[in-house]
Amino acid sequence: VLAQGGAAHCRAGRFRAAVAWHVEQLEVGMECGACREVCGALMGCGSVSLALGLFSTALELYEESLPLAVSLEQARTVAAITLNLATVHSALGDFDSAAKAYAEGRRLAEDA
């Protein structure tokens, strides 16, 4: 519910509300030891950062969420994070990394 609320606020442009929902999701996940919730919260905050043009922050959040998704064996989530990383690398002007991440994300998405 927290992830869906955060995502809905982000899509509607209510970024402070989105961050509040994702931070609550992160706190709940950390208290319960729920890696899935922590991963989702990091991804959600990464999406807000991306939408606000805070590309370095988005990069850090996505890079932090990626190993969690891998450890949870969430193939679709790993693909989504990798494609988001491609977007961030592109926005930062790192087109070689963007191309590699896009190719990897696309491959992962096809396999998922």
PDB file of N, CA and C in Angstrom:
ATOM      1  N   VAL A   1       0.829  -1.189   0.000  1.00  0.00           N
ATOM      2  CA  VAL A   1       0.000   0.000   0.000  1.00  0.00           C
ATOM      3  C   VAL A   1       0.873   1.252   0.000  1.00  0.00           C
ATOM      4  N   LEU A   2       1.948   1.256   0.789  1.00  0.00           N
ATOM      5  CA  LEU A   2       2.817   2.425   0.850  1.00  0.00           C
ATOM      6  C   LEU A   2       3.502   2.664  -0.489  1.00  0.00           C
ATOM      7  N   ALA A   3       3.932   1.606  -1.133  1.00  0.00           N
ATOM      8  CA  ALA A   3       4.587   1.741  -2.437  1.00  0.00           C
ATOM      9  C   ALA A   3       3.617   2.297  -3.468  1.00  0.00           C
ATOM     10  N   GLN A   4       2.395   1.787  -3.460  1.00  0.00           N
ATOM     11  CA  GLN A   4       1.397   2.248  -4.428  1.00  0.00           C
ATOM     12  C   GLN A   4       1.024   3.699  -4.173  1.00  0.00           C
ATOM     13  N   GLY A   5       0.906   4.086  -2.906  1.00  0.00           N
ATOM     14  CA  GLY A   5       0.604   5.474  -2.577  1.00  0.00           C
ATOM     15  C   GLY A   5       1.713   6.405  -3.013  1.00  0.00           C
ATOM     16  N   GLY A   6       2.945   6.012  -2.759  1.00  0.00           N
ATOM     17  CA  GLY A   6       4.083   6.829  -3.179  1.00  0.00           C
ATOM     18  C   GLY A   6       4.148   6.987  -4.678  1.00  0.00           C
ATOM     19  N   ALA A   7       3.931   5.892  -5.395  1.00  0.00           N
ATOM     20  CA  ALA A   7       3.960   5.934  -6.861  1.00  0.00           C
ATOM     21  C   ALA A   7       2.836   6.813  -7.407  1.00  0.00           C
ATOM     22  N   ALA A   8       1.666   6.716  -6.805  1.00  0.00           N
ATOM     23  CA  ALA A   8       0.533   7.536  -7.258  1.00  0.00           C
ATOM     24  C   ALA A   8       0.817   9.019  -7.047  1.00  0.00           C
ATOM     25  N   HIS A   9       1.380   9.373  -5.907  1.00  0.00           N
ATOM     26  CA  HIS A   9       1.721  10.775  -5.650  1.00  0.00           C
ATOM     27  C   HIS A   9       2.791  11.262  -6.634  1.00  0.00           C
ATOM     28  N   CYS A  10       3.764  10.418  -6.928  1.00  0.00           N
ATOM     29  CA  CYS A  10       4.831  10.793  -7.873  1.00  0.00           C
ATOM     30  C   CYS A  10       4.242  11.055  -9.254  1.00  0.00           C
ATOM     31  N   ARG A  11       3.370  10.165  -9.721  1.00  0.00           N
ATOM     32  CA  ARG A  11       2.753  10.348 -11.041  1.00  0.00           C
ATOM     33  C   ARG A  11       1.925  11.629 -11.096  1.00  0.00           C
ATOM     34  N   ALA A  12       1.349  11.999  -9.964  1.00  0.00           N
ATOM     35  CA  ALA A  12       0.515  13.202  -9.908  1.00  0.00           C
ATOM     36  C   ALA A  12       1.342  14.471  -9.664  1.00  0.00           C
ATOM     37  N   GLY A  13       2.651  14.317  -9.529  1.00  0.00           N
ATOM     38  CA  GLY A  13       3.514  15.477  -9.324  1.00  0.00           C
ATOM     39  C   GLY A  13       3.569  15.958  -7.881  1.00  0.00           C
ATOM     40  N   ARG A  14       3.044  15.169  -6.966  1.00  0.00           N
ATOM     41  CA  ARG A  14       3.087  15.525  -5.541  1.00  0.00           C
ATOM     42  C   ARG A  14       4.314  14.837  -4.924  1.00  0.00           C
ATOM     43  N   PHE A  15       5.475  15.419  -5.172  1.00  0.00           N
ATOM     44  CA  PHE A  15       6.730  14.757  -4.850  1.00  0.00           C
ATOM     45  C   PHE A  15       7.007  14.671  -3.351  1.00  0.00           C
ATOM     46  N   ARG A  16       6.651  15.702  -2.606  1.00  0.00           N
ATOM     47  CA  ARG A  16       6.856  15.626  -1.151  1.00  0.00           C
ATOM     48  C   ARG A  16       6.024  14.508  -0.541  1.00  0.00           C
ATOM     49  N   ALA A  17       4.794  14.408  -0.988  1.00  0.00           N
ATOM     50  CA  ALA A  17       3.929  13.330  -0.493  1.00  0.00           C
ATOM     51  C   ALA A  17       4.484  11.971  -0.906  1.00  0.00           C
ATOM     52  N   ALA A  18       4.987  11.883  -2.133  1.00  0.00           N
ATOM     53  CA  ALA A  18       5.559  10.619  -2.607  1.00  0.00           C
ATOM     54  C   ALA A  18       6.744  10.213  -1.743  1.00  0.00           C
ATOM     55  N   VAL A  19       7.611  11.163  -1.444  1.00  0.00           N
ATOM     56  CA  VAL A  19       8.777  10.852  -0.612  1.00  0.00           C
ATOM     57  C   VAL A  19       8.330  10.424   0.784  1.00  0.00           C
ATOM     58  N   ALA A  20       7.340  11.097   1.328  1.00  0.00           N
ATOM     59  CA  ALA A  20       6.851  10.729   2.666  1.00  0.00           C
ATOM     60  C   ALA A  20       6.357   9.283   2.690  1.00  0.00           C
ATOM     61  N   TRP A  21       5.604   8.894   1.671  1.00  0.00           N
ATOM     62  CA  TRP A  21       5.106   7.513   1.603  1.00  0.00           C
ATOM     63  C   TRP A  21       6.260   6.525   1.470  1.00  0.00           C
ATOM     64  N   HIS A  22       7.231   6.851   0.612  1.00  0.00           N
ATOM     65  CA  HIS A  22       8.354   5.934   0.404  1.00  0.00           C
ATOM     66  C   HIS A  22       9.263   5.866   1.629  1.00  0.00           C
ATOM     67  N   VAL A  23       9.421   6.979   2.333  1.00  0.00           N
ATOM     68  CA  VAL A  23      10.225   6.947   3.558  1.00  0.00           C
ATOM     69  C   VAL A  23       9.543   6.072   4.599  1.00  0.00           C
ATOM     70  N   GLU A  24       8.227   6.185   4.703  1.00  0.00           N
ATOM     71  CA  GLU A  24       7.501   5.309   5.632  1.00  0.00           C
ATOM     72  C   GLU A  24       7.658   3.851   5.220  1.00  0.00           C
ATOM     73  N   GLN A  25       7.593   3.591   3.920  1.00  0.00           N
ATOM     74  CA  GLN A  25       7.788   2.239   3.411  1.00  0.00           C
ATOM     75  C   GLN A  25       9.181   1.735   3.779  1.00  0.00           C
ATOM     76  N   LEU A  26      10.178   2.598   3.648  1.00  0.00           N
ATOM     77  CA  LEU A  26      11.552   2.230   3.980  1.00  0.00           C
ATOM     78  C   LEU A  26      11.675   1.909   5.473  1.00  0.00           C
ATOM     79  N   GLU A  27      11.078   2.739   6.312  1.00  0.00           N
ATOM     80  CA  GLU A  27      11.142   2.513   7.751  1.00  0.00           C
ATOM     81  C   GLU A  27      10.478   1.193   8.134  1.00  0.00           C
ATOM     82  N   VAL A  28       9.312   0.935   7.578  1.00  0.00           N
ATOM     83  CA  VAL A  28       8.604  -0.314   7.864  1.00  0.00           C
ATOM     84  C   VAL A  28       9.441  -1.507   7.395  1.00  0.00           C
ATOM     85  N   GLY A  29       9.978  -1.405   6.201  1.00  0.00           N
ATOM     86  CA  GLY A  29      10.801  -2.487   5.662  1.00  0.00           C
ATOM     87  C   GLY A  29      12.025  -2.762   6.507  1.00  0.00           C
ATOM     88  N   MET A  30      12.665  -1.702   6.977  1.00  0.00           N
ATOM     89  CA  MET A  30      13.868  -1.879   7.791  1.00  0.00           C
ATOM     90  C   MET A  30      13.523  -2.454   9.168  1.00  0.00           C
ATOM     91  N   GLU A  31      12.414  -2.003   9.741  1.00  0.00           N
ATOM     92  CA  GLU A  31      11.998  -2.528  11.049  1.00  0.00           C
ATOM     93  C   GLU A  31      11.664  -4.014  10.966  1.00  0.00           C
ATOM     94  N   CYS A  32      11.033  -4.402   9.894  1.00  0.00           N
ATOM     95  CA  CYS A  32      10.585  -5.798   9.738  1.00  0.00           C
ATOM     96  C   CYS A  32      11.627  -6.677   9.058  1.00  0.00           C
ATOM     97  N   GLY A  33      12.699  -6.083   8.575  1.00  0.00           N
ATOM     98  CA  GLY A  33      13.689  -6.853   7.833  1.00  0.00           C
ATOM     99  C   GLY A  33      13.158  -7.325   6.487  1.00  0.00           C
ATOM    100  N   ALA A  34      12.248  -6.539   5.916  1.00  0.00           N
ATOM    101  CA  ALA A  34      11.622  -6.908   4.642  1.00  0.00           C
ATOM    102  C   ALA A  34      12.395  -6.268   3.488  1.00  0.00           C
ATOM    103  N   CYS A  35      13.287  -7.032   2.904  1.00  0.00           N
ATOM    104  CA  CYS A  35      14.123  -6.528   1.812  1.00  0.00           C
ATOM    105  C   CYS A  35      13.289  -6.025   0.635  1.00  0.00           C
ATOM    106  N   ARG A  36      12.184  -6.678   0.375  1.00  0.00           N
ATOM    107  CA  ARG A  36      11.326  -6.287  -0.745  1.00  0.00           C
ATOM    108  C   ARG A  36      10.808  -4.852  -0.549  1.00  0.00           C
ATOM    109  N   GLU A  37      10.401  -4.529   0.680  1.00  0.00           N
ATOM    110  CA  GLU A  37       9.910  -3.179   0.978  1.00  0.00           C
ATOM    111  C   GLU A  37      11.030  -2.154   0.900  1.00  0.00           C
ATOM    112  N   VAL A  38      12.186  -2.504   1.406  1.00  0.00           N
ATOM    113  CA  VAL A  38      13.337  -1.599   1.350  1.00  0.00           C
ATOM    114  C   VAL A  38      13.705  -1.327  -0.101  1.00  0.00           C
ATOM    115  N   CYS A  39      13.762  -2.370  -0.905  1.00  0.00           N
ATOM    116  CA  CYS A  39      14.082  -2.235  -2.319  1.00  0.00           C
ATOM    117  C   CYS A  39      13.063  -1.330  -3.012  1.00  0.00           C
ATOM    118  N   GLY A  40      11.787  -1.568  -2.754  1.00  0.00           N
ATOM    119  CA  GLY A  40      10.733  -0.760  -3.362  1.00  0.00           C
ATOM    120  C   GLY A  40      10.808   0.694  -2.949  1.00  0.00           C
ATOM    121  N   ALA A  41      11.121   0.932  -1.677  1.00  0.00           N
ATOM    122  CA  ALA A  41      11.230   2.304  -1.184  1.00  0.00           C
ATOM    123  C   ALA A  41      12.400   3.032  -1.845  1.00  0.00           C
ATOM    124  N   LEU A  42      13.523   2.352  -1.973  1.00  0.00           N
ATOM    125  CA  LEU A  42      14.684   2.965  -2.631  1.00  0.00           C
ATOM    126  C   LEU A  42      14.373   3.273  -4.089  1.00  0.00           C
ATOM    127  N   MET A  43      13.698   2.332  -4.754  1.00  0.00           N
ATOM    128  CA  MET A  43      13.308   2.572  -6.148  1.00  0.00           C
ATOM    129  C   MET A  43      12.346   3.750  -6.243  1.00  0.00           C
ATOM    130  N   GLY A  44      11.390   3.809  -5.325  1.00  0.00           N
ATOM    131  CA  GLY A  44      10.416   4.900  -5.339  1.00  0.00           C
ATOM    132  C   GLY A  44      11.075   6.252  -5.141  1.00  0.00           C
ATOM    133  N   CYS A  45      11.988   6.331  -4.190  1.00  0.00           N
ATOM    134  CA  CYS A  45      12.709   7.580  -3.971  1.00  0.00           C
ATOM    135  C   CYS A  45      13.601   7.908  -5.169  1.00  0.00           C
ATOM    136  N   GLY A  46      14.126   6.885  -5.816  1.00  0.00           N
ATOM    137  CA  GLY A  46      14.895   7.100  -7.043  1.00  0.00           C
ATOM    138  C   GLY A  46      14.032   7.694  -8.138  1.00  0.00           C
ATOM    139  N   SER A  47      12.811   7.218  -8.248  1.00  0.00           N
ATOM    140  CA  SER A  47      11.890   7.754  -9.261  1.00  0.00           C
ATOM    141  C   SER A  47      11.539   9.206  -8.991  1.00  0.00           C
ATOM    142  N   VAL A  48      11.333   9.543  -7.719  1.00  0.00           N
ATOM    143  CA  VAL A  48      11.061  10.941  -7.365  1.00  0.00           C
ATOM    144  C   VAL A  48      12.274  11.800  -7.699  1.00  0.00           C
ATOM    145  N   SER A  49      13.447  11.321  -7.347  1.00  0.00           N
ATOM    146  CA  SER A  49      14.675  12.065  -7.638  1.00  0.00           C
ATOM    147  C   SER A  49      14.847  12.273  -9.133  1.00  0.00           C
ATOM    148  N   LEU A  50      14.561  11.238  -9.902  1.00  0.00           N
ATOM    149  CA  LEU A  50      14.654  11.333 -11.359  1.00  0.00           C
ATOM    150  C   LEU A  50      13.674  12.376 -11.887  1.00  0.00           C
ATOM    151  N   ALA A  51      12.448  12.351 -11.396  1.00  0.00           N
ATOM    152  CA  ALA A  51      11.430  13.302 -11.833  1.00  0.00           C
ATOM    153  C   ALA A  51      11.809  14.742 -11.485  1.00  0.00           C
ATOM    154  N   LEU A  52      12.530  14.925 -10.378  1.00  0.00           N
ATOM    155  CA  LEU A  52      12.947  16.265  -9.962  1.00  0.00           C
ATOM    156  C   LEU A  52      14.267  16.703 -10.592  1.00  0.00           C
ATOM    157  N   GLY A  53      14.863  15.833 -11.384  1.00  0.00           N
ATOM    158  CA  GLY A  53      16.131  16.170 -12.018  1.00  0.00           C
ATOM    159  C   GLY A  53      17.331  16.026 -11.102  1.00  0.00           C
ATOM    160  N   LEU A  54      17.166  15.311 -10.005  1.00  0.00           N
ATOM    161  CA  LEU A  54      18.265  15.059  -9.072  1.00  0.00           C
ATOM    162  C   LEU A  54      18.941  13.750  -9.478  1.00  0.00           C
ATOM    163  N   PHE A  55      19.660  13.830 -10.585  1.00  0.00           N
ATOM    164  CA  PHE A  55      20.152  12.625 -11.236  1.00  0.00           C
ATOM    165  C   PHE A  55      21.201  11.876 -10.417  1.00  0.00           C
ATOM    166  N   SER A  56      22.092  12.580  -9.747  1.00  0.00           N
ATOM    167  CA  SER A  56      23.099  11.901  -8.925  1.00  0.00           C
ATOM    168  C   SER A  56      22.449  11.146  -7.780  1.00  0.00           C
ATOM    169  N   THR A  57      21.428  11.758  -7.175  1.00  0.00           N
ATOM    170  CA  THR A  57      20.703  11.097  -6.094  1.00  0.00           C
ATOM    171  C   THR A  57      19.958   9.882  -6.630  1.00  0.00           C
ATOM    172  N   ALA A  58      19.305  10.041  -7.778  1.00  0.00           N
ATOM    173  CA  ALA A  58      18.599   8.922  -8.397  1.00  0.00           C
ATOM    174  C   ALA A  58      19.559   7.779  -8.681  1.00  0.00           C
ATOM    175  N   LEU A  59      20.729   8.108  -9.195  1.00  0.00           N
ATOM    176  CA  LEU A  59      21.740   7.093  -9.490  1.00  0.00           C
ATOM    177  C   LEU A  59      22.108   6.322  -8.223  1.00  0.00           C
ATOM    178  N   GLU A  60      22.362   7.024  -7.134  1.00  0.00           N
ATOM    179  CA  GLU A  60      22.726   6.374  -5.874  1.00  0.00           C
ATOM    180  C   GLU A  60      21.606   5.458  -5.380  1.00  0.00           C
ATOM    181  N   LEU A  61      20.364   5.947  -5.437  1.00  0.00           N
ATOM    182  CA  LEU A  61      19.238   5.157  -4.941  1.00  0.00           C
ATOM    183  C   LEU A  61      19.005   3.912  -5.792  1.00  0.00           C
ATOM    184  N   TYR A  62      19.071   4.064  -7.106  1.00  0.00           N
ATOM    185  CA  TYR A  62      18.890   2.897  -7.980  1.00  0.00           C
ATOM    186  C   TYR A  62      20.025   1.893  -7.793  1.00  0.00           C
ATOM    187  N   GLU A  63      21.255   2.398  -7.661  1.00  0.00           N
ATOM    188  CA  GLU A  63      22.385   1.491  -7.468  1.00  0.00           C
ATOM    189  C   GLU A  63      22.289   0.757  -6.138  1.00  0.00           C
ATOM    190  N   GLU A  64      21.701   1.409  -5.134  1.00  0.00           N
ATOM    191  CA  GLU A  64      21.524   0.755  -3.840  1.00  0.00           C
ATOM    192  C   GLU A  64      20.404  -0.280  -3.885  1.00  0.00           C
ATOM    193  N   SER A  65      19.381  -0.032  -4.684  1.00  0.00           N
ATOM    194  CA  SER A  65      18.258  -0.969  -4.749  1.00  0.00           C
ATOM    195  C   SER A  65      18.558  -2.192  -5.615  1.00  0.00           C
ATOM    196  N   LEU A  66      19.464  -2.054  -6.569  1.00  0.00           N
ATOM    197  CA  LEU A  66      19.741  -3.146  -7.506  1.00  0.00           C
ATOM    198  C   LEU A  66      20.192  -4.442  -6.830  1.00  0.00           C
ATOM    199  N   PRO A  67      21.173  -4.415  -5.917  1.00  0.00           N
ATOM    200  CA  PRO A  67      21.573  -5.685  -5.292  1.00  0.00           C
ATOM    201  C   PRO A  67      20.450  -6.336  -4.479  1.00  0.00           C
ATOM    202  N   LEU A  68      19.580  -5.522  -3.906  1.00  0.00           N
ATOM    203  CA  LEU A  68      18.448  -6.089  -3.164  1.00  0.00           C
ATOM    204  C   LEU A  68      17.521  -6.838  -4.102  1.00  0.00           C
ATOM    205  N   ALA A  69      17.221  -6.228  -5.240  1.00  0.00           N
ATOM    206  CA  ALA A  69      16.346  -6.884  -6.221  1.00  0.00           C
ATOM    207  C   ALA A  69      16.980  -8.170  -6.738  1.00  0.00           C
ATOM    208  N   VAL A  70      18.284  -8.144  -6.956  1.00  0.00           N
ATOM    209  CA  VAL A  70      18.996  -9.340  -7.417  1.00  0.00           C
ATOM    210  C   VAL A  70      18.907 -10.429  -6.352  1.00  0.00           C
ATOM    211  N   SER A  71      19.139 -10.053  -5.091  1.00  0.00           N
ATOM    212  CA  SER A  71      19.111 -11.053  -4.020  1.00  0.00           C
ATOM    213  C   SER A  71      17.709 -11.632  -3.821  1.00  0.00           C
ATOM    214  N   LEU A  72      16.693 -10.849  -4.136  1.00  0.00           N
ATOM    215  CA  LEU A  72      15.312 -11.317  -4.023  1.00  0.00           C
ATOM    216  C   LEU A  72      14.854 -12.096  -5.260  1.00  0.00           C
ATOM    217  N   GLU A  73      15.747 -12.153  -6.252  1.00  0.00           N
ATOM    218  CA  GLU A  73      15.454 -12.832  -7.516  1.00  0.00           C
ATOM    219  C   GLU A  73      14.197 -12.269  -8.183  1.00  0.00           C
ATOM    220  N   GLN A  74      14.099 -10.943  -8.186  1.00  0.00           N
ATOM    221  CA  GLN A  74      12.985 -10.258  -8.833  1.00  0.00           C
ATOM    222  C   GLN A  74      13.436  -9.799 -10.219  1.00  0.00           C
ATOM    223  N   ALA A  75      13.313 -10.674 -11.190  1.00  0.00           N
ATOM    224  CA  ALA A  75      13.844 -10.411 -12.524  1.00  0.00           C
ATOM    225  C   ALA A  75      13.263  -9.141 -13.147  1.00  0.00           C
ATOM    226  N   ARG A  76      11.971  -8.948 -13.040  1.00  0.00           N
ATOM    227  CA  ARG A  76      11.350  -7.746 -13.627  1.00  0.00           C
ATOM    228  C   ARG A  76      11.830  -6.477 -12.940  1.00  0.00           C
ATOM    229  N   THR A  77      11.990  -6.545 -11.638  1.00  0.00           N
ATOM    230  CA  THR A  77      12.467  -5.378 -10.893  1.00  0.00           C
ATOM    231  C   THR A  77      13.910  -5.063 -11.263  1.00  0.00           C
ATOM    232  N   VAL A  78      14.734  -6.087 -11.393  1.00  0.00           N
ATOM    233  CA  VAL A  78      16.126  -5.886 -11.800  1.00  0.00           C
ATOM    234  C   VAL A  78      16.160  -5.225 -13.179  1.00  0.00           C
ATOM    235  N   ALA A  79      15.322  -5.695 -14.082  1.00  0.00           N
ATOM    236  CA  ALA A  79      15.270  -5.101 -15.425  1.00  0.00           C
ATOM    237  C   ALA A  79      14.819  -3.647 -15.345  1.00  0.00           C
ATOM    238  N   ALA A  80      13.806  -3.371 -14.546  1.00  0.00           N
ATOM    239  CA  ALA A  80      13.300  -1.992 -14.424  1.00  0.00           C
ATOM    240  C   ALA A  80      14.361  -1.063 -13.842  1.00  0.00           C
ATOM    241  N   ILE A  81      15.049  -1.513 -12.812  1.00  0.00           N
ATOM    242  CA  ILE A  81      16.104  -0.692 -12.214  1.00  0.00           C
ATOM    243  C   ILE A  81      17.204  -0.442 -13.225  1.00  0.00           C
ATOM    244  N   THR A  82      17.596  -1.467 -13.965  1.00  0.00           N
ATOM    245  CA  THR A  82      18.662  -1.332 -14.956  1.00  0.00           C
ATOM    246  C   THR A  82      18.266  -0.341 -16.046  1.00  0.00           C
ATOM    247  N   LEU A  83      17.021  -0.391 -16.484  1.00  0.00           N
ATOM    248  CA  LEU A  83      16.552   0.570 -17.485  1.00  0.00           C
ATOM    249  C   LEU A  83      16.493   1.982 -16.899  1.00  0.00           C
ATOM    250  N   ASN A  84      16.112   2.103 -15.628  1.00  0.00           N
ATOM    251  CA  ASN A  84      16.132   3.413 -14.975  1.00  0.00           C
ATOM    252  C   ASN A  84      17.559   3.946 -14.887  1.00  0.00           C
ATOM    253  N   LEU A  85      18.495   3.053 -14.606  1.00  0.00           N
ATOM    254  CA  LEU A  85      19.903   3.468 -14.581  1.00  0.00           C
ATOM    255  C   LEU A  85      20.347   3.981 -15.944  1.00  0.00           C
ATOM    256  N   ALA A  86      19.864   3.365 -17.001  1.00  0.00           N
ATOM    257  CA  ALA A  86      20.191   3.845 -18.351  1.00  0.00           C
ATOM    258  C   ALA A  86      19.698   5.275 -18.535  1.00  0.00           C
ATOM    259  N   THR A  87      18.496   5.558 -18.067  1.00  0.00           N
ATOM    260  CA  THR A  87      17.935   6.911 -18.165  1.00  0.00           C
ATOM    261  C   THR A  87      18.782   7.909 -17.385  1.00  0.00           C
ATOM    262  N   VAL A  88      19.179   7.538 -16.180  1.00  0.00           N
ATOM    263  CA  VAL A  88      19.977   8.432 -15.347  1.00  0.00           C
ATOM    264  C   VAL A  88      21.342   8.672 -15.972  1.00  0.00           C
ATOM    265  N   HIS A  89      21.999   7.611 -16.428  1.00  0.00           N
ATOM    266  CA  HIS A  89      23.309   7.771 -17.069  1.00  0.00           C
ATOM    267  C   HIS A  89      23.200   8.705 -18.280  1.00  0.00           C
ATOM    268  N   SER A  90      22.148   8.541 -19.042  1.00  0.00           N
ATOM    269  CA  SER A  90      21.936   9.407 -20.199  1.00  0.00           C
ATOM    270  C   SER A  90      21.757  10.862 -19.769  1.00  0.00           C
ATOM    271  N   ALA A  91      20.965  11.083 -18.736  1.00  0.00           N
ATOM    272  CA  ALA A  91      20.734  12.440 -18.240  1.00  0.00           C
ATOM    273  C   ALA A  91      22.027  13.071 -17.715  1.00  0.00           C
ATOM    274  N   LEU A  92      22.919  12.241 -17.194  1.00  0.00           N
ATOM    275  CA  LEU A  92      24.201  12.734 -16.694  1.00  0.00           C
ATOM    276  C   LEU A  92      25.246  12.867 -17.802  1.00  0.00           C
ATOM    277  N   GLY A  93      24.883  12.485 -19.018  1.00  0.00           N
ATOM    278  CA  GLY A  93      25.799  12.597 -20.146  1.00  0.00           C
ATOM    279  C   GLY A  93      26.767  11.442 -20.282  1.00  0.00           C
ATOM    280  N   ASP A  94      26.565  10.385 -19.544  1.00  0.00           N
ATOM    281  CA  ASP A  94      27.424   9.197 -19.617  1.00  0.00           C
ATOM    282  C   ASP A  94      26.766   8.207 -20.574  1.00  0.00           C
ATOM    283  N   PHE A  95      26.928   8.481 -21.856  1.00  0.00           N
ATOM    284  CA  PHE A  95      26.196   7.722 -22.869  1.00  0.00           C
ATOM    285  C   PHE A  95      26.697   6.302 -23.053  1.00  0.00           C
ATOM    286  N   ASP A  96      27.974   6.051 -22.788  1.00  0.00           N
ATOM    287  CA  ASP A  96      28.486   4.675 -22.864  1.00  0.00           C
ATOM    288  C   ASP A  96      27.829   3.804 -21.795  1.00  0.00           C
ATOM    289  N   SER A  97      27.778   4.316 -20.565  1.00  0.00           N
ATOM    290  CA  SER A  97      27.128   3.570 -19.485  1.00  0.00           C
ATOM    291  C   SER A  97      25.639   3.429 -19.751  1.00  0.00           C
ATOM    292  N   ALA A  98      25.044   4.472 -20.316  1.00  0.00           N
ATOM    293  CA  ALA A  98      23.614   4.419 -20.634  1.00  0.00           C
ATOM    294  C   ALA A  98      23.334   3.325 -21.656  1.00  0.00           C
ATOM    295  N   ALA A  99      24.157   3.238 -22.681  1.00  0.00           N
ATOM    296  CA  ALA A  99      23.962   2.225 -23.721  1.00  0.00           C
ATOM    297  C   ALA A  99      24.127   0.821 -23.152  1.00  0.00           C
ATOM    298  N   LYS A 100      25.135   0.637 -22.298  1.00  0.00           N
ATOM    299  CA  LYS A 100      25.345  -0.676 -21.679  1.00  0.00           C
ATOM    300  C   LYS A 100      24.174  -1.051 -20.774  1.00  0.00           C
ATOM    301  N   ALA A 101      23.721  -0.094 -19.966  1.00  0.00           N
ATOM    302  CA  ALA A 101      22.607  -0.366 -19.056  1.00  0.00           C
ATOM    303  C   ALA A 101      21.326  -0.635 -19.839  1.00  0.00           C
ATOM    304  N   TYR A 102      21.111   0.107 -20.906  1.00  0.00           N
ATOM    305  CA  TYR A 102      19.912  -0.110 -21.716  1.00  0.00           C
ATOM    306  C   TYR A 102      19.936  -1.509 -22.336  1.00  0.00           C
ATOM    307  N   ALA A 103      21.072  -1.895 -22.897  1.00  0.00           N
ATOM    308  CA  ALA A 103      21.176  -3.217 -23.520  1.00  0.00           C
ATOM    309  C   ALA A 103      20.966  -4.316 -22.473  1.00  0.00           C
ATOM    310  N   GLU A 104      21.547  -4.154 -21.302  1.00  0.00           N
ATOM    311  CA  GLU A 104      21.391  -5.151 -20.235  1.00  0.00           C
ATOM    312  C   GLU A 104      19.952  -5.182 -19.736  1.00  0.00           C
ATOM    313  N   GLY A 105      19.361  -4.011 -19.546  1.00  0.00           N
ATOM    314  CA  GLY A 105      17.974  -3.945 -19.083  1.00  0.00           C
ATOM    315  C   GLY A 105      17.009  -4.561 -20.072  1.00  0.00           C
ATOM    316  N   ARG A 106      17.254  -4.311 -21.337  1.00  0.00           N
ATOM    317  CA  ARG A 106      16.396  -4.886 -22.370  1.00  0.00           C
ATOM    318  C   ARG A 106      16.510  -6.413 -22.390  1.00  0.00           C
ATOM    319  N   ARG A 107      17.747  -6.894 -22.276  1.00  0.00           N
ATOM    320  CA  ARG A 107      17.971  -8.343 -22.230  1.00  0.00           C
ATOM    321  C   ARG A 107      17.271  -8.957 -21.022  1.00  0.00           C
ATOM    322  N   LEU A 108      17.420  -8.303 -19.873  1.00  0.00           N
ATOM    323  CA  LEU A 108      16.781  -8.802 -18.657  1.00  0.00           C
ATOM    324  C   LEU A 108      15.258  -8.789 -18.770  1.00  0.00           C
ATOM    325  N   ALA A 109      14.725  -7.753 -19.377  1.00  0.00           N
ATOM    326  CA  ALA A 109      13.275  -7.650 -19.543  1.00  0.00           C
ATOM    327  C   ALA A 109      12.748  -8.770 -20.440  1.00  0.00           C
ATOM    328  N   GLU A 110      13.491  -9.079 -21.492  1.00  0.00           N
ATOM    329  CA  GLU A 110      13.082 -10.151 -22.383  1.00  0.00           C
ATOM    330  C   GLU A 110      13.122 -11.514 -21.693  1.00  0.00           C
ATOM    331  N   ASP A 111      14.111 -11.678 -20.784  1.00  0.00           N
ATOM    332  CA  ASP A 111      14.255 -12.945 -20.062  1.00  0.00           C
ATOM    333  C   ASP A 111      13.244 -13.096 -18.924  1.00  0.00           C
ATOM    334  N   ALA A 112      12.745 -11.974 -18.431  1.00  0.00           N
ATOM    335  CA  ALA A 112      11.863 -11.998 -17.228  1.00  0.00           C
ATOM    336  C   ALA A 112      10.510 -12.579 -17.516  1.00  0.00           C
TER     337      ALA A 112
END
